């Protein structure tokens, strides 16, 4: 019975450890991938505390390696902060076939690779990245209008119930 409680607590903890990109809805997602991230120990502790921001982050492929650029992981308050850069470039751990497929699609057209979320999976932090196209103004406006209509209908249903 105690084992079940520990497993249940771990599942809840994993759901709460998710840092999302609030600007990801400005893109049309074509394909999603999960990638590991090479982090320092203090960065892992800071992310577990929820001290991260990937709003201005993007993925750059150079050679046969992928890097997460401009992802901010703020310093953990109990670690040494001398010489720590919160927005340093971090290596993404992907298979070479995945990297080459992403690179070929980026070379073909107007695609970009954006991080959608950072989350904890089996005690390792993963980045959910997506191959995406930028939305134009009309699409953004349509999505905003749809969101407001959905919000209004939810509000009305809440008042009825």
C-alpha atoms as a PDB file:
ATOM      1  CA  UNK A   1       0.000   0.000   0.000  1.00  0.00           C
ATOM      2  CA  UNK A   2       2.846   2.379   0.780  1.00  0.00           C
ATOM      3  CA  UNK A   3       4.428   1.668  -2.611  1.00  0.00           C
ATOM      4  CA  UNK A   4       1.236   2.769  -4.354  1.00  0.00           C
ATOM      5  CA  UNK A   5       1.279   6.079  -2.439  1.00  0.00           C
ATOM      6  CA  UNK A   6       4.874   6.742  -3.495  1.00  0.00           C
ATOM      7  CA  UNK A   7       4.034   6.000  -7.138  1.00  0.00           C
ATOM      8  CA  UNK A   8       0.960   8.221  -6.962  1.00  0.00           C
ATOM      9  CA  UNK A   9       3.002  11.081  -5.484  1.00  0.00           C
ATOM     10  CA  UNK A  10       5.626  10.690  -8.226  1.00  0.00           C
ATOM     11  CA  UNK A  11       2.992  10.904 -10.963  1.00  0.00           C
ATOM     12  CA  UNK A  12       1.527  14.079  -9.484  1.00  0.00           C
ATOM     13  CA  UNK A  13       5.022  15.559  -9.117  1.00  0.00           C
ATOM     14  CA  UNK A  14       5.811  14.837 -12.777  1.00  0.00           C
ATOM     15  CA  UNK A  15       2.638  16.534 -13.953  1.00  0.00           C
ATOM     16  CA  UNK A  16       3.455  19.672 -11.978  1.00  0.00           C
ATOM     17  CA  UNK A  17       7.011  19.882 -13.338  1.00  0.00           C
ATOM     18  CA  UNK A  18       6.176  21.355 -16.742  1.00  0.00           C
ATOM     19  CA  UNK A  19       7.472  24.669 -18.046  1.00  0.00           C
ATOM     20  CA  UNK A  20       5.635  25.698 -21.203  1.00  0.00           C
ATOM     21  CA  UNK A  21       6.369  28.180 -23.955  1.00  0.00           C
ATOM     22  CA  UNK A  22       3.603  30.770 -23.958  1.00  0.00           C
ATOM     23  CA  UNK A  23       4.496  31.921 -27.486  1.00  0.00           C
ATOM     24  CA  UNK A  24       4.192  28.433 -28.977  1.00  0.00           C
ATOM     25  CA  UNK A  25       0.638  29.131 -30.123  1.00  0.00           C
ATOM     26  CA  UNK A  26       1.980  31.593 -32.711  1.00  0.00           C
ATOM     27  CA  UNK A  27       3.226  28.569 -34.688  1.00  0.00           C
ATOM     28  CA  UNK A  28       1.508  25.777 -36.609  1.00  0.00           C
ATOM     29  CA  UNK A  29       3.033  22.577 -35.281  1.00  0.00           C
ATOM     30  CA  UNK A  30       3.831  20.036 -37.987  1.00  0.00           C
ATOM     31  CA  UNK A  31       5.794  17.431 -36.028  1.00  0.00           C
ATOM     32  CA  UNK A  32       6.662  16.954 -32.337  1.00  0.00           C
ATOM     33  CA  UNK A  33       9.745  15.289 -30.849  1.00  0.00           C
ATOM     34  CA  UNK A  34      11.022  14.564 -27.362  1.00  0.00           C
ATOM     35  CA  UNK A  35      14.672  15.348 -26.663  1.00  0.00           C
ATOM     36  CA  UNK A  36      16.852  15.025 -23.604  1.00  0.00           C
ATOM     37  CA  UNK A  37      18.807  18.032 -22.335  1.00  0.00           C
ATOM     38  CA  UNK A  38      22.376  18.128 -21.035  1.00  0.00           C
ATOM     39  CA  UNK A  39      22.081  20.059 -17.747  1.00  0.00           C
ATOM     40  CA  UNK A  40      24.222  20.865 -14.731  1.00  0.00           C
ATOM     41  CA  UNK A  41      23.190  19.620 -11.280  1.00  0.00           C
ATOM     42  CA  UNK A  42      22.146  23.045 -10.057  1.00  0.00           C
ATOM     43  CA  UNK A  43      20.089  23.565 -13.225  1.00  0.00           C
ATOM     44  CA  UNK A  44      18.175  20.355 -12.546  1.00  0.00           C
ATOM     45  CA  UNK A  45      17.366  21.541  -9.032  1.00  0.00           C
ATOM     46  CA  UNK A  46      16.288  24.942 -10.330  1.00  0.00           C
ATOM     47  CA  UNK A  47      14.000  23.359 -12.927  1.00  0.00           C
ATOM     48  CA  UNK A  48      12.484  21.091 -10.284  1.00  0.00           C
ATOM     49  CA  UNK A  49      11.640  24.279  -8.392  1.00  0.00           C
ATOM     50  CA  UNK A  50      10.058  25.699 -11.557  1.00  0.00           C
ATOM     51  CA  UNK A  51      12.670  28.402 -12.224  1.00  0.00           C
ATOM     52  CA  UNK A  52      12.859  28.288 -16.004  1.00  0.00           C
ATOM     53  CA  UNK A  53      11.687  30.287 -19.005  1.00  0.00           C
ATOM     54  CA  UNK A  54      11.648  29.146 -22.641  1.00  0.00           C
ATOM     55  CA  UNK A  55       9.579  31.977 -24.122  1.00  0.00           C
ATOM     56  CA  UNK A  56      12.427  33.341 -26.251  1.00  0.00           C
ATOM     57  CA  UNK A  57      14.155  29.993 -26.842  1.00  0.00           C
ATOM     58  CA  UNK A  58      14.735  28.251 -30.142  1.00  0.00           C
ATOM     59  CA  UNK A  59      16.611  25.199 -31.427  1.00  0.00           C
ATOM     60  CA  UNK A  60      19.682  25.552 -33.634  1.00  0.00           C
ATOM     61  CA  UNK A  61      21.230  22.671 -35.545  1.00  0.00           C
ATOM     62  CA  UNK A  62      24.933  22.945 -36.264  1.00  0.00           C
ATOM     63  CA  UNK A  63      26.689  20.032 -37.875  1.00  0.00           C
ATOM     64  CA  UNK A  64      25.191  16.864 -36.481  1.00  0.00           C
ATOM     65  CA  UNK A  65      24.195  18.307 -33.094  1.00  0.00           C
ATOM     66  CA  UNK A  66      21.147  20.207 -31.874  1.00  0.00           C
ATOM     67  CA  UNK A  67      21.311  23.006 -29.300  1.00  0.00           C
ATOM     68  CA  UNK A  68      18.685  24.801 -27.228  1.00  0.00           C
ATOM     69  CA  UNK A  69      19.501  28.514 -27.425  1.00  0.00           C
ATOM     70  CA  UNK A  70      18.226  31.318 -25.129  1.00  0.00           C
ATOM     71  CA  UNK A  71      16.433  29.009 -22.698  1.00  0.00           C
ATOM     72  CA  UNK A  72      16.717  30.683 -19.319  1.00  0.00           C
ATOM     73  CA  UNK A  73      17.199  28.537 -16.244  1.00  0.00           C
ATOM     74  CA  UNK A  74      17.524  30.839 -13.286  1.00  0.00           C
ATOM     75  CA  UNK A  75      20.150  29.988 -10.639  1.00  0.00           C
ATOM     76  CA  UNK A  76      19.234  27.669  -7.796  1.00  0.00           C
ATOM     77  CA  UNK A  77      19.329  29.706  -4.612  1.00  0.00           C
ATOM     78  CA  UNK A  78      21.489  27.243  -2.636  1.00  0.00           C
ATOM     79  CA  UNK A  79      24.179  26.801  -5.317  1.00  0.00           C
ATOM     80  CA  UNK A  80      27.207  28.856  -6.277  1.00  0.00           C
ATOM     81  CA  UNK A  81      26.354  31.479  -8.834  1.00  0.00           C
ATOM     82  CA  UNK A  82      29.828  32.733  -9.706  1.00  0.00           C
ATOM     83  CA  UNK A  83      30.278  32.460 -13.463  1.00  0.00           C
ATOM     84  CA  UNK A  84      26.811  30.977 -14.026  1.00  0.00           C
ATOM     85  CA  UNK A  85      25.047  32.036 -17.227  1.00  0.00           C
ATOM     86  CA  UNK A  86      21.310  31.507 -17.060  1.00  0.00           C
ATOM     87  CA  UNK A  87      20.794  31.684 -20.819  1.00  0.00           C
ATOM     88  CA  UNK A  88      23.694  29.512 -21.932  1.00  0.00           C
ATOM     89  CA  UNK A  89      23.356  27.191 -24.923  1.00  0.00           C
ATOM     90  CA  UNK A  90      22.421  23.643 -23.898  1.00  0.00           C
ATOM     91  CA  UNK A  91      22.898  20.510 -25.964  1.00  0.00           C
ATOM     92  CA  UNK A  92      19.823  18.506 -26.940  1.00  0.00           C
ATOM     93  CA  UNK A  93      20.174  14.752 -26.921  1.00  0.00           C
ATOM     94  CA  UNK A  94      18.680  13.364 -30.133  1.00  0.00           C
ATOM     95  CA  UNK A  95      19.546  10.506 -32.466  1.00  0.00           C
ATOM     96  CA  UNK A  96      21.518  11.487 -35.564  1.00  0.00           C
ATOM     97  CA  UNK A  97      18.713  10.277 -37.835  1.00  0.00           C
ATOM     98  CA  UNK A  98      16.258  12.595 -36.062  1.00  0.00           C
ATOM     99  CA  UNK A  99      18.647  15.536 -36.339  1.00  0.00           C
ATOM    100  CA  UNK A 100      19.278  14.922 -40.039  1.00  0.00           C
ATOM    101  CA  UNK A 101      15.534  14.628 -40.728  1.00  0.00           C
ATOM    102  CA  UNK A 102      14.907  17.934 -38.939  1.00  0.00           C
ATOM    103  CA  UNK A 103      17.785  19.599 -40.769  1.00  0.00           C
ATOM    104  CA  UNK A 104      16.550  18.442 -44.179  1.00  0.00           C
ATOM    105  CA  UNK A 105      13.036  19.753 -43.494  1.00  0.00           C
ATOM    106  CA  UNK A 106      14.420  23.089 -42.316  1.00  0.00           C
ATOM    107  CA  UNK A 107      16.515  23.387 -45.478  1.00  0.00           C
ATOM    108  CA  UNK A 108      13.460  22.724 -47.670  1.00  0.00           C
ATOM    109  CA  UNK A 109      11.256  25.557 -46.549  1.00  0.00           C
ATOM    110  CA  UNK A 110      10.053  28.011 -43.957  1.00  0.00           C
ATOM    111  CA  UNK A 111      10.195  25.677 -40.986  1.00  0.00           C
ATOM    112  CA  UNK A 112      11.656  26.499 -37.619  1.00  0.00           C
ATOM    113  CA  UNK A 113      12.215  24.345 -34.553  1.00  0.00           C
ATOM    114  CA  UNK A 114      10.696  25.687 -31.342  1.00  0.00           C
ATOM    115  CA  UNK A 115      10.626  24.241 -27.828  1.00  0.00           C
ATOM    116  CA  UNK A 116       7.083  23.713 -26.587  1.00  0.00           C
ATOM    117  CA  UNK A 117       7.771  22.543 -23.030  1.00  0.00           C
ATOM    118  CA  UNK A 118      10.338  21.313 -20.521  1.00  0.00           C
ATOM    119  CA  UNK A 119       9.132  18.502 -18.295  1.00  0.00           C
ATOM    120  CA  UNK A 120      10.301  15.762 -15.968  1.00  0.00           C
ATOM    121  CA  UNK A 121      10.023  12.178 -17.203  1.00  0.00           C
ATOM    122  CA  UNK A 122      11.444   9.283 -15.188  1.00  0.00           C
ATOM    123  CA  UNK A 123      13.674  11.668 -13.185  1.00  0.00           C
ATOM    124  CA  UNK A 124      15.167  13.178 -16.381  1.00  0.00           C
ATOM    125  CA  UNK A 125      14.258  16.515 -17.879  1.00  0.00           C
ATOM    126  CA  UNK A 126      13.032  16.371 -21.457  1.00  0.00           C
ATOM    127  CA  UNK A 127      12.302  19.088 -23.977  1.00  0.00           C
ATOM    128  CA  UNK A 128       9.284  18.786 -26.221  1.00  0.00           C
ATOM    129  CA  UNK A 129      10.371  20.385 -29.493  1.00  0.00           C
ATOM    130  CA  UNK A 130       8.340  20.914 -32.629  1.00  0.00           C
ATOM    131  CA  UNK A 131       8.978  21.492 -36.297  1.00  0.00           C
ATOM    132  CA  UNK A 132       6.662  24.410 -36.978  1.00  0.00           C
ATOM    133  CA  UNK A 133       5.569  27.093 -39.423  1.00  0.00           C
ATOM    134  CA  UNK A 134       4.870  30.660 -38.335  1.00  0.00           C
ATOM    135  CA  UNK A 135       1.208  31.684 -38.484  1.00  0.00           C
ATOM    136  CA  UNK A 136       0.238  34.739 -40.478  1.00  0.00           C
ATOM    137  CA  UNK A 137      -1.831  37.627 -39.085  1.00  0.00           C
ATOM    138  CA  UNK A 138      -5.140  36.243 -40.335  1.00  0.00           C
ATOM    139  CA  UNK A 139      -4.593  32.899 -38.628  1.00  0.00           C
ATOM    140  CA  UNK A 140      -3.543  34.531 -35.368  1.00  0.00           C
ATOM    141  CA  UNK A 141      -6.626  36.757 -35.429  1.00  0.00           C
ATOM    142  CA  UNK A 142      -8.903  33.776 -36.145  1.00  0.00           C
ATOM    143  CA  UNK A 143      -7.382  31.815 -33.246  1.00  0.00           C
ATOM    144  CA  UNK A 144      -7.783  34.763 -30.866  1.00  0.00           C
ATOM    145  CA  UNK A 145     -11.423  35.154 -31.892  1.00  0.00           C
ATOM    146  CA  UNK A 146     -12.044  31.424 -31.398  1.00  0.00           C
ATOM    147  CA  UNK A 147     -10.435  31.522 -27.935  1.00  0.00           C
ATOM    148  CA  UNK A 148     -12.605  34.449 -26.835  1.00  0.00           C
ATOM    149  CA  UNK A 149     -15.757  32.719 -28.098  1.00  0.00           C
ATOM    150  CA  UNK A 150     -14.818  29.538 -26.230  1.00  0.00           C
ATOM    151  CA  UNK A 151     -14.152  31.546 -23.074  1.00  0.00           C
ATOM    152  CA  UNK A 152     -17.534  33.274 -23.353  1.00  0.00           C
ATOM    153  CA  UNK A 153     -19.413  30.001 -23.855  1.00  0.00           C
ATOM    154  CA  UNK A 154     -17.654  28.457 -20.856  1.00  0.00           C
ATOM    155  CA  UNK A 155     -18.579  31.500 -18.778  1.00  0.00           C
ATOM    156  CA  UNK A 156     -22.218  31.225 -19.854  1.00  0.00           C
ATOM    157  CA  UNK A 157     -22.343  27.503 -19.111  1.00  0.00           C
ATOM    158  CA  UNK A 158     -20.822  28.129 -15.710  1.00  0.00           C
ATOM    159  CA  UNK A 159     -23.485  30.716 -14.919  1.00  0.00           C
ATOM    160  CA  UNK A 160     -26.286  28.364 -16.058  1.00  0.00           C
ATOM    161  CA  UNK A 161     -25.047  25.510 -13.875  1.00  0.00           C
END
